[in-house]
């Protein structure tokens, strides 16, 4: 709001980049570090302003409560990214 209040087109482009770069699984990972609804609500409100849907955010919060699963998924994603990176270097 501070930087794009006068330029709706720039705001729209910025928000589309934001949501494209920070996919749903990133929100789940961040939400897994949030302790309870009191801390979740301000984060959710910011994500709503960025253009994420309320339904998606509710699902992300529900999934984020399964911390062992989140830790496993993050580890697998890192291994995949590292493996792809090593293929590019060769």
PDB file of N, CA and C in Angstrom:
ATOM      1  N   UNK A   1       0.825  -1.195   0.000  1.00  0.00           N
ATOM      2  CA  UNK A   1       0.000   0.000   0.000  1.00  0.00           C
ATOM      3  C   UNK A   1       0.865   1.253   0.000  1.00  0.00           C
ATOM      4  N   UNK A   2       1.960   1.198   0.736  1.00  0.00           N
ATOM      5  CA  UNK A   2       2.823   2.369   0.853  1.00  0.00           C
ATOM      6  C   UNK A   2       3.479   2.727  -0.477  1.00  0.00           C
ATOM      7  N   UNK A   3       3.925   1.736  -1.226  1.00  0.00           N
ATOM      8  CA  UNK A   3       4.691   1.998  -2.441  1.00  0.00           C
ATOM      9  C   UNK A   3       3.847   2.000  -3.710  1.00  0.00           C
ATOM     10  N   UNK A   4       2.706   1.332  -3.686  1.00  0.00           N
ATOM     11  CA  UNK A   4       1.931   1.191  -4.913  1.00  0.00           C
ATOM     12  C   UNK A   4       0.530   1.784  -4.812  1.00  0.00           C
ATOM     13  N   UNK A   5       0.280   2.655  -3.862  1.00  0.00           N
ATOM     14  CA  UNK A   5      -1.067   3.176  -3.683  1.00  0.00           C
ATOM     15  C   UNK A   5      -1.549   3.997  -4.870  1.00  0.00           C
ATOM     16  N   UNK A   6      -0.637   4.647  -5.600  1.00  0.00           N
ATOM     17  CA  UNK A   6      -1.026   5.494  -6.725  1.00  0.00           C
ATOM     18  C   UNK A   6      -0.919   4.792  -8.076  1.00  0.00           C
ATOM     19  N   UNK A   7      -0.375   3.598  -8.106  1.00  0.00           N
ATOM     20  CA  UNK A   7      -0.125   2.920  -9.370  1.00  0.00           C
ATOM     21  C   UNK A   7      -0.706   1.509  -9.329  1.00  0.00           C
ATOM     22  N   UNK A   8      -1.966   1.388  -9.743  1.00  0.00           N
ATOM     23  CA  UNK A   8      -2.676   0.109  -9.661  1.00  0.00           C
ATOM     24  C   UNK A   8      -2.027  -0.953 -10.542  1.00  0.00           C
ATOM     25  N   UNK A   9      -1.526  -0.570 -11.692  1.00  0.00           N
ATOM     26  CA  UNK A   9      -0.916  -1.547 -12.592  1.00  0.00           C
ATOM     27  C   UNK A   9       0.364  -2.133 -11.990  1.00  0.00           C
ATOM     28  N   UNK A  10       1.219  -1.283 -11.437  1.00  0.00           N
ATOM     29  CA  UNK A  10       2.449  -1.771 -10.799  1.00  0.00           C
ATOM     30  C   UNK A  10       2.123  -2.651  -9.601  1.00  0.00           C
ATOM     31  N   UNK A  11       1.111  -2.265  -8.865  1.00  0.00           N
ATOM     32  CA  UNK A  11       0.694  -3.050  -7.700  1.00  0.00           C
ATOM     33  C   UNK A  11       0.257  -4.451  -8.140  1.00  0.00           C
ATOM     34  N   UNK A  12      -0.544  -4.514  -9.187  1.00  0.00           N
ATOM     35  CA  UNK A  12      -1.026  -5.795  -9.694  1.00  0.00           C
ATOM     36  C   UNK A  12       0.123  -6.671 -10.164  1.00  0.00           C
ATOM     37  N   UNK A  13       1.061  -6.083 -10.874  1.00  0.00           N
ATOM     38  CA  UNK A  13       2.220  -6.844 -11.366  1.00  0.00           C
ATOM     39  C   UNK A  13       3.056  -7.343 -10.194  1.00  0.00           C
ATOM     40  N   UNK A  14       3.310  -6.476  -9.220  1.00  0.00           N
ATOM     41  CA  UNK A  14       4.093  -6.874  -8.046  1.00  0.00           C
ATOM     42  C   UNK A  14       3.419  -8.029  -7.312  1.00  0.00           C
ATOM     43  N   UNK A  15       2.112  -7.921  -7.091  1.00  0.00           N
ATOM     44  CA  UNK A  15       1.409  -8.965  -6.357  1.00  0.00           C
ATOM     45  C   UNK A  15       1.377 -10.281  -7.132  1.00  0.00           C
ATOM     46  N   UNK A  16       1.294 -10.223  -8.448  1.00  0.00           N
ATOM     47  CA  UNK A  16       1.321 -11.469  -9.218  1.00  0.00           C
ATOM     48  C   UNK A  16       2.697 -12.126  -9.132  1.00  0.00           C
ATOM     49  N   UNK A  17       3.760 -11.324  -9.132  1.00  0.00           N
ATOM     50  CA  UNK A  17       5.111 -11.880  -8.956  1.00  0.00           C
ATOM     51  C   UNK A  17       5.242 -12.472  -7.560  1.00  0.00           C
ATOM     52  N   UNK A  18       4.727 -11.780  -6.576  1.00  0.00           N
ATOM     53  CA  UNK A  18       4.808 -12.251  -5.184  1.00  0.00           C
ATOM     54  C   UNK A  18       4.143 -13.617  -5.027  1.00  0.00           C
ATOM     55  N   UNK A  19       2.933 -13.748  -5.560  1.00  0.00           N
ATOM     56  CA  UNK A  19       2.230 -15.021  -5.406  1.00  0.00           C
ATOM     57  C   UNK A  19       2.825 -16.117  -6.285  1.00  0.00           C
ATOM     58  N   UNK A  20       3.449 -15.749  -7.393  1.00  0.00           N
ATOM     59  CA  UNK A  20       4.091 -16.743  -8.254  1.00  0.00           C
ATOM     60  C   UNK A  20       5.392 -17.255  -7.630  1.00  0.00           C
ATOM     61  N   UNK A  21       6.116 -16.398  -6.950  1.00  0.00           N
ATOM     62  CA  UNK A  21       7.391 -16.770  -6.346  1.00  0.00           C
ATOM     63  C   UNK A  21       7.242 -17.452  -4.992  1.00  0.00           C
ATOM     64  N   UNK A  22       6.163 -17.196  -4.309  1.00  0.00           N
ATOM     65  CA  UNK A  22       5.925 -17.773  -2.981  1.00  0.00           C
ATOM     66  C   UNK A  22       4.693 -18.664  -3.081  1.00  0.00           C
ATOM     67  N   UNK A  23       4.931 -19.895  -3.464  1.00  0.00           N
ATOM     68  CA  UNK A  23       3.845 -20.842  -3.711  1.00  0.00           C
ATOM     69  C   UNK A  23       3.280 -21.383  -2.406  1.00  0.00           C
ATOM     70  N   UNK A  24       2.200 -22.129  -2.529  1.00  0.00           N
ATOM     71  CA  UNK A  24       1.450 -22.613  -1.377  1.00  0.00           C
ATOM     72  C   UNK A  24       2.322 -23.399  -0.411  1.00  0.00           C
ATOM     73  N   UNK A  25       3.271 -24.164  -0.901  1.00  0.00           N
ATOM     74  CA  UNK A  25       4.087 -24.959   0.020  1.00  0.00           C
ATOM     75  C   UNK A  25       5.026 -24.085   0.839  1.00  0.00           C
ATOM     76  N   UNK A  26       5.373 -22.907   0.332  1.00  0.00           N
ATOM     77  CA  UNK A  26       6.176 -21.971   1.130  1.00  0.00           C
ATOM     78  C   UNK A  26       5.356 -21.429   2.299  1.00  0.00           C
ATOM     79  N   UNK A  27       4.078 -21.186   2.042  1.00  0.00           N
ATOM     80  CA  UNK A  27       3.195 -20.697   3.097  1.00  0.00           C
ATOM     81  C   UNK A  27       3.035 -21.759   4.179  1.00  0.00           C
ATOM     82  N   UNK A  28       2.907 -23.011   3.773  1.00  0.00           N
ATOM     83  CA  UNK A  28       2.797 -24.094   4.755  1.00  0.00           C
ATOM     84  C   UNK A  28       4.047 -24.151   5.621  1.00  0.00           C
ATOM     85  N   UNK A  29       5.198 -24.036   4.998  1.00  0.00           N
ATOM     86  CA  UNK A  29       6.453 -24.089   5.746  1.00  0.00           C
ATOM     87  C   UNK A  29       6.541 -22.942   6.754  1.00  0.00           C
ATOM     88  N   UNK A  30       6.220 -21.734   6.329  1.00  0.00           N
ATOM     89  CA  UNK A  30       6.244 -20.587   7.253  1.00  0.00           C
ATOM     90  C   UNK A  30       5.211 -20.780   8.353  1.00  0.00           C
ATOM     91  N   UNK A  31       4.016 -21.201   7.967  1.00  0.00           N
ATOM     92  CA  UNK A  31       2.953 -21.389   8.956  1.00  0.00           C
ATOM     93  C   UNK A  31       3.309 -22.451   9.984  1.00  0.00           C
ATOM     94  N   UNK A  32       4.142 -23.410   9.612  1.00  0.00           N
ATOM     95  CA  UNK A  32       4.527 -24.450  10.576  1.00  0.00           C
ATOM     96  C   UNK A  32       5.373 -23.879  11.712  1.00  0.00           C
ATOM     97  N   UNK A  33       5.944 -22.707  11.510  1.00  0.00           N
ATOM     98  CA  UNK A  33       6.739 -22.048  12.553  1.00  0.00           C
ATOM     99  C   UNK A  33       5.887 -21.132  13.430  1.00  0.00           C
ATOM    100  N   UNK A  34       4.665 -20.908  13.035  1.00  0.00           N
ATOM    101  CA  UNK A  34       3.765 -20.007  13.765  1.00  0.00           C
ATOM    102  C   UNK A  34       3.063 -20.800  14.855  1.00  0.00           C
ATOM    103  N   UNK A  35       3.062 -20.225  16.044  1.00  0.00           N
ATOM    104  CA  UNK A  35       2.492 -20.917  17.196  1.00  0.00           C
ATOM    105  C   UNK A  35       1.076 -20.431  17.476  1.00  0.00           C
ATOM    106  N   UNK A  36       0.107 -21.035  16.870  1.00  0.00           N
ATOM    107  CA  UNK A  36      -1.287 -20.783  17.199  1.00  0.00           C
ATOM    108  C   UNK A  36      -1.954 -19.697  16.372  1.00  0.00           C
ATOM    109  N   UNK A  37      -3.263 -19.622  16.549  1.00  0.00           N
ATOM    110  CA  UNK A  37      -4.076 -18.694  15.767  1.00  0.00           C
ATOM    111  C   UNK A  37      -3.758 -17.231  16.043  1.00  0.00           C
ATOM    112  N   UNK A  38      -3.363 -16.913  17.256  1.00  0.00           N
ATOM    113  CA  UNK A  38      -3.060 -15.512  17.587  1.00  0.00           C
ATOM    114  C   UNK A  38      -1.918 -14.986  16.718  1.00  0.00           C
ATOM    115  N   UNK A  39      -0.902 -15.799  16.488  1.00  0.00           N
ATOM    116  CA  UNK A  39       0.203 -15.398  15.617  1.00  0.00           C
ATOM    117  C   UNK A  39      -0.141 -15.593  14.147  1.00  0.00           C
ATOM    118  N   UNK A  40      -1.019 -16.533  13.839  1.00  0.00           N
ATOM    119  CA  UNK A  40      -1.377 -16.816  12.455  1.00  0.00           C
ATOM    120  C   UNK A  40      -2.181 -15.674  11.826  1.00  0.00           C
ATOM    121  N   UNK A  41      -3.095 -15.101  12.567  1.00  0.00           N
ATOM    122  CA  UNK A  41      -4.012 -14.098  11.996  1.00  0.00           C
ATOM    123  C   UNK A  41      -3.300 -12.916  11.337  1.00  0.00           C
ATOM    124  N   UNK A  42      -2.305 -12.279  11.970  1.00  0.00           N
ATOM    125  CA  UNK A  42      -1.622 -11.171  11.278  1.00  0.00           C
ATOM    126  C   UNK A  42      -0.909 -11.627  10.001  1.00  0.00           C
ATOM    127  N   UNK A  43      -0.310 -12.799  10.036  1.00  0.00           N
ATOM    128  CA  UNK A  43       0.350 -13.340   8.841  1.00  0.00           C
ATOM    129  C   UNK A  43      -0.682 -13.591   7.745  1.00  0.00           C
ATOM    130  N   UNK A  44      -1.794 -14.222   8.117  1.00  0.00           N
ATOM    131  CA  UNK A  44      -2.869 -14.496   7.153  1.00  0.00           C
ATOM    132  C   UNK A  44      -3.389 -13.202   6.534  1.00  0.00           C
ATOM    133  N   UNK A  45      -3.577 -12.178   7.362  1.00  0.00           N
ATOM    134  CA  UNK A  45      -4.073 -10.901   6.854  1.00  0.00           C
ATOM    135  C   UNK A  45      -3.126 -10.301   5.809  1.00  0.00           C
ATOM    136  N   UNK A  46      -1.829 -10.425   6.036  1.00  0.00           N
ATOM    137  CA  UNK A  46      -0.856  -9.932   5.050  1.00  0.00           C
ATOM    138  C   UNK A  46      -0.923 -10.746   3.770  1.00  0.00           C
ATOM    139  N   UNK A  47      -1.052 -12.058   3.908  1.00  0.00           N
ATOM    140  CA  UNK A  47      -1.122 -12.913   2.723  1.00  0.00           C
ATOM    141  C   UNK A  47      -2.391 -12.635   1.913  1.00  0.00           C
ATOM    142  N   UNK A  48      -3.483 -12.315   2.599  1.00  0.00           N
ATOM    143  CA  UNK A  48      -4.713 -11.946   1.896  1.00  0.00           C
ATOM    144  C   UNK A  48      -4.501 -10.667   1.084  1.00  0.00           C
ATOM    145  N   UNK A  49      -3.777  -9.718   1.652  1.00  0.00           N
ATOM    146  CA  UNK A  49      -3.486  -8.477   0.927  1.00  0.00           C
ATOM    147  C   UNK A  49      -2.596  -8.734  -0.287  1.00  0.00           C
ATOM    148  N   UNK A  50      -1.759  -9.764  -0.208  1.00  0.00           N
ATOM    149  CA  UNK A  50      -0.906 -10.121  -1.340  1.00  0.00           C
ATOM    150  C   UNK A  50      -1.684 -10.819  -2.444  1.00  0.00           C
ATOM    151  N   UNK A  51      -2.900 -11.247  -2.148  1.00  0.00           N
ATOM    152  CA  UNK A  51      -3.739 -11.847  -3.175  1.00  0.00           C
ATOM    153  C   UNK A  51      -3.976 -13.333  -3.045  1.00  0.00           C
ATOM    154  N   UNK A  52      -3.510 -13.939  -1.961  1.00  0.00           N
ATOM    155  CA  UNK A  52      -3.791 -15.356  -1.746  1.00  0.00           C
ATOM    156  C   UNK A  52      -5.250 -15.520  -1.333  1.00  0.00           C
ATOM    157  N   UNK A  53      -5.854 -16.638  -1.699  1.00  0.00           N
ATOM    158  CA  UNK A  53      -7.262 -16.852  -1.368  1.00  0.00           C
ATOM    159  C   UNK A  53      -7.415 -17.299   0.082  1.00  0.00           C
ATOM    160  N   UNK A  54      -8.513 -16.907   0.709  1.00  0.00           N
ATOM    161  CA  UNK A  54      -8.759 -17.341   2.093  1.00  0.00           C
ATOM    162  C   UNK A  54      -8.815 -18.859   2.222  1.00  0.00           C
ATOM    163  N   UNK A  55      -9.371 -19.530   1.221  1.00  0.00           N
ATOM    164  CA  UNK A  55      -9.479 -20.994   1.245  1.00  0.00           C
ATOM    165  C   UNK A  55      -8.090 -21.634   1.211  1.00  0.00           C
ATOM    166  N   UNK A  56      -7.224 -21.138   0.319  1.00  0.00           N
ATOM    167  CA  UNK A  56      -5.861 -21.663   0.236  1.00  0.00           C
ATOM    168  C   UNK A  56      -5.131 -21.467   1.559  1.00  0.00           C
ATOM    169  N   UNK A  57      -5.275 -20.298   2.159  1.00  0.00           N
ATOM    170  CA  UNK A  57      -4.592 -20.022   3.425  1.00  0.00           C
ATOM    171  C   UNK A  57      -5.108 -20.912   4.545  1.00  0.00           C
ATOM    172  N   UNK A  58      -6.406 -21.189   4.558  1.00  0.00           N
ATOM    173  CA  UNK A  58      -6.966 -22.083   5.586  1.00  0.00           C
ATOM    174  C   UNK A  58      -6.395 -23.494   5.429  1.00  0.00           C
ATOM    175  N   UNK A  59      -6.287 -23.950   4.199  1.00  0.00           N
ATOM    176  CA  UNK A  59      -5.714 -25.278   3.938  1.00  0.00           C
ATOM    177  C   UNK A  59      -4.243 -25.302   4.345  1.00  0.00           C
ATOM    178  N   UNK A  60      -3.509 -24.255   3.987  1.00  0.00           N
ATOM    179  CA  UNK A  60      -2.087 -24.187   4.348  1.00  0.00           C
ATOM    180  C   UNK A  60      -1.900 -24.221   5.859  1.00  0.00           C
ATOM    181  N   UNK A  61      -2.738 -23.486   6.576  1.00  0.00           N
ATOM    182  CA  UNK A  61      -2.616 -23.480   8.039  1.00  0.00           C
ATOM    183  C   UNK A  61      -2.919 -24.862   8.609  1.00  0.00           C
ATOM    184  N   UNK A  62      -3.960 -25.504   8.101  1.00  0.00           N
ATOM    185  CA  UNK A  62      -4.318 -26.841   8.599  1.00  0.00           C
ATOM    186  C   UNK A  62      -3.177 -27.825   8.340  1.00  0.00           C
ATOM    187  N   UNK A  63      -2.610 -27.794   7.138  1.00  0.00           N
ATOM    188  CA  UNK A  63      -1.513 -28.703   6.811  1.00  0.00           C
ATOM    189  C   UNK A  63      -0.245 -28.392   7.610  1.00  0.00           C
ATOM    190  N   UNK A  64      -0.069 -27.137   7.964  1.00  0.00           N
ATOM    191  CA  UNK A  64       1.150 -26.742   8.678  1.00  0.00           C
ATOM    192  C   UNK A  64       1.224 -27.310  10.091  1.00  0.00           C
ATOM    193  N   UNK A  65       0.129 -27.786  10.603  1.00  0.00           N
ATOM    194  CA  UNK A  65       0.117 -28.337  11.958  1.00  0.00           C
ATOM    195  C   UNK A  65       0.778 -29.703  12.020  1.00  0.00           C
ATOM    196  N   UNK A  66       1.044 -30.333  10.877  1.00  0.00           N
ATOM    197  CA  UNK A  66       1.699 -31.639  10.824  1.00  0.00           C
ATOM    198  C   UNK A  66       3.207 -31.438  10.652  1.00  0.00           C
ATOM    199  N   UNK A  67       3.860 -30.986  11.718  1.00  0.00           N
ATOM    200  CA  UNK A  67       5.268 -30.586  11.660  1.00  0.00           C
ATOM    201  C   UNK A  67       6.218 -31.684  11.153  1.00  0.00           C
ATOM    202  N   UNK A  68       6.083 -32.931  11.572  1.00  0.00           N
ATOM    203  CA  UNK A  68       7.003 -33.953  11.031  1.00  0.00           C
ATOM    204  C   UNK A  68       6.869 -34.100   9.510  1.00  0.00           C
ATOM    205  N   UNK A  69       5.654 -34.026   9.021  1.00  0.00           N
ATOM    206  CA  UNK A  69       5.431 -34.102   7.580  1.00  0.00           C
ATOM    207  C   UNK A  69       6.067 -32.914   6.871  1.00  0.00           C
ATOM    208  N   UNK A  70       5.942 -31.725   7.436  1.00  0.00           N
ATOM    209  CA  UNK A  70       6.504 -30.508   6.841  1.00  0.00           C
ATOM    210  C   UNK A  70       8.023 -30.622   6.802  1.00  0.00           C
ATOM    211  N   UNK A  71       8.624 -31.057   7.890  1.00  0.00           N
ATOM    212  CA  UNK A  71      10.084 -31.213   7.930  1.00  0.00           C
ATOM    213  C   UNK A  71      10.558 -32.198   6.870  1.00  0.00           C
ATOM    214  N   UNK A  72       9.832 -33.295   6.718  1.00  0.00           N
ATOM    215  CA  UNK A  72      10.182 -34.289   5.706  1.00  0.00           C
ATOM    216  C   UNK A  72      10.040 -33.705   4.300  1.00  0.00           C
ATOM    217  N   UNK A  73       8.940 -33.006   4.044  1.00  0.00           N
ATOM    218  CA  UNK A  73       8.698 -32.426   2.718  1.00  0.00           C
ATOM    219  C   UNK A  73       9.757 -31.384   2.365  1.00  0.00           C
ATOM    220  N   UNK A  74      10.143 -30.555   3.327  1.00  0.00           N
ATOM    221  CA  UNK A  74      11.184 -29.547   3.083  1.00  0.00           C
ATOM    222  C   UNK A  74      12.510 -30.230   2.769  1.00  0.00           C
ATOM    223  N   UNK A  75      12.843 -31.268   3.511  1.00  0.00           N
ATOM    224  CA  UNK A  75      14.098 -31.997   3.261  1.00  0.00           C
ATOM    225  C   UNK A  75      14.097 -32.620   1.866  1.00  0.00           C
ATOM    226  N   UNK A  76      12.986 -33.202   1.463  1.00  0.00           N
ATOM    227  CA  UNK A  76      12.892 -33.805   0.133  1.00  0.00           C
ATOM    228  C   UNK A  76      13.022 -32.735  -0.942  1.00  0.00           C
ATOM    229  N   UNK A  77      12.343 -31.620  -0.760  1.00  0.00           N
ATOM    230  CA  UNK A  77      12.425 -30.536  -1.753  1.00  0.00           C
ATOM    231  C   UNK A  77      13.855 -30.023  -1.875  1.00  0.00           C
ATOM    232  N   UNK A  78      14.542 -29.867  -0.777  1.00  0.00           N
ATOM    233  CA  UNK A  78      15.942 -29.409  -0.821  1.00  0.00           C
ATOM    234  C   UNK A  78      16.822 -30.398  -1.578  1.00  0.00           C
ATOM    235  N   UNK A  79      16.604 -31.691  -1.347  1.00  0.00           N
ATOM    236  CA  UNK A  79      17.388 -32.701  -2.056  1.00  0.00           C
ATOM    237  C   UNK A  79      17.120 -32.640  -3.560  1.00  0.00           C
ATOM    238  N   UNK A  80      15.871 -32.455  -3.939  1.00  0.00           N
ATOM    239  CA  UNK A  80      15.522 -32.356  -5.355  1.00  0.00           C
ATOM    240  C   UNK A  80      16.180 -31.133  -5.980  1.00  0.00           C
ATOM    241  N   UNK A  81      16.092 -29.993  -5.292  1.00  0.00           N
ATOM    242  CA  UNK A  81      16.694 -28.758  -5.807  1.00  0.00           C
ATOM    243  C   UNK A  81      18.207 -28.921  -5.922  1.00  0.00           C
ATOM    244  N   UNK A  82      18.836 -29.493  -4.916  1.00  0.00           N
ATOM    245  CA  UNK A  82      20.282 -29.715  -4.955  1.00  0.00           C
ATOM    246  C   UNK A  82      20.676 -30.672  -6.078  1.00  0.00           C
ATOM    247  N   UNK A  83      19.877 -31.707  -6.269  1.00  0.00           N
ATOM    248  CA  UNK A  83      20.152 -32.677  -7.335  1.00  0.00           C
ATOM    249  C   UNK A  83      20.032 -32.008  -8.709  1.00  0.00           C
ATOM    250  N   UNK A  84      18.984 -31.228  -8.907  1.00  0.00           N
ATOM    251  CA  UNK A  84      18.810 -30.512 -10.180  1.00  0.00           C
ATOM    252  C   UNK A  84      19.947 -29.542 -10.407  1.00  0.00           C
ATOM    253  N   UNK A  85      20.379 -28.870  -9.347  1.00  0.00           N
ATOM    254  CA  UNK A  85      21.489 -27.947  -9.447  1.00  0.00           C
ATOM    255  C   UNK A  85      22.772 -28.645  -9.830  1.00  0.00           C
ATOM    256  N   UNK A  86      22.994 -29.822  -9.286  1.00  0.00           N
ATOM    257  CA  UNK A  86      24.218 -30.556  -9.624  1.00  0.00           C
ATOM    258  C   UNK A  86      24.186 -31.031 -11.074  1.00  0.00           C
ATOM    259  N   UNK A  87      23.020 -31.289 -11.620  1.00  0.00           N
ATOM    260  CA  UNK A  87      22.922 -31.671 -13.029  1.00  0.00           C
ATOM    261  C   UNK A  87      23.258 -30.503 -13.955  1.00  0.00           C
ATOM    262  N   UNK A  88      22.896 -29.308 -13.529  1.00  0.00           N
ATOM    263  CA  UNK A  88      23.172 -28.125 -14.349  1.00  0.00           C
ATOM    264  C   UNK A  88      24.656 -27.775 -14.381  1.00  0.00           C
ATOM    265  N   UNK A  89      25.343 -28.078 -13.282  1.00  0.00           N
ATOM    266  CA  UNK A  89      26.767 -27.740 -13.181  1.00  0.00           C
ATOM    267  C   UNK A  89      27.608 -28.635 -14.083  1.00  0.00           C
ATOM    268  N   UNK A  90      27.193 -29.869 -14.281  1.00  0.00           N
ATOM    269  CA  UNK A  90      27.991 -30.834 -15.061  1.00  0.00           C
ATOM    270  C   UNK A  90      28.041 -30.505 -16.497  1.00  0.00           C
TER     271      UNK A  90
END
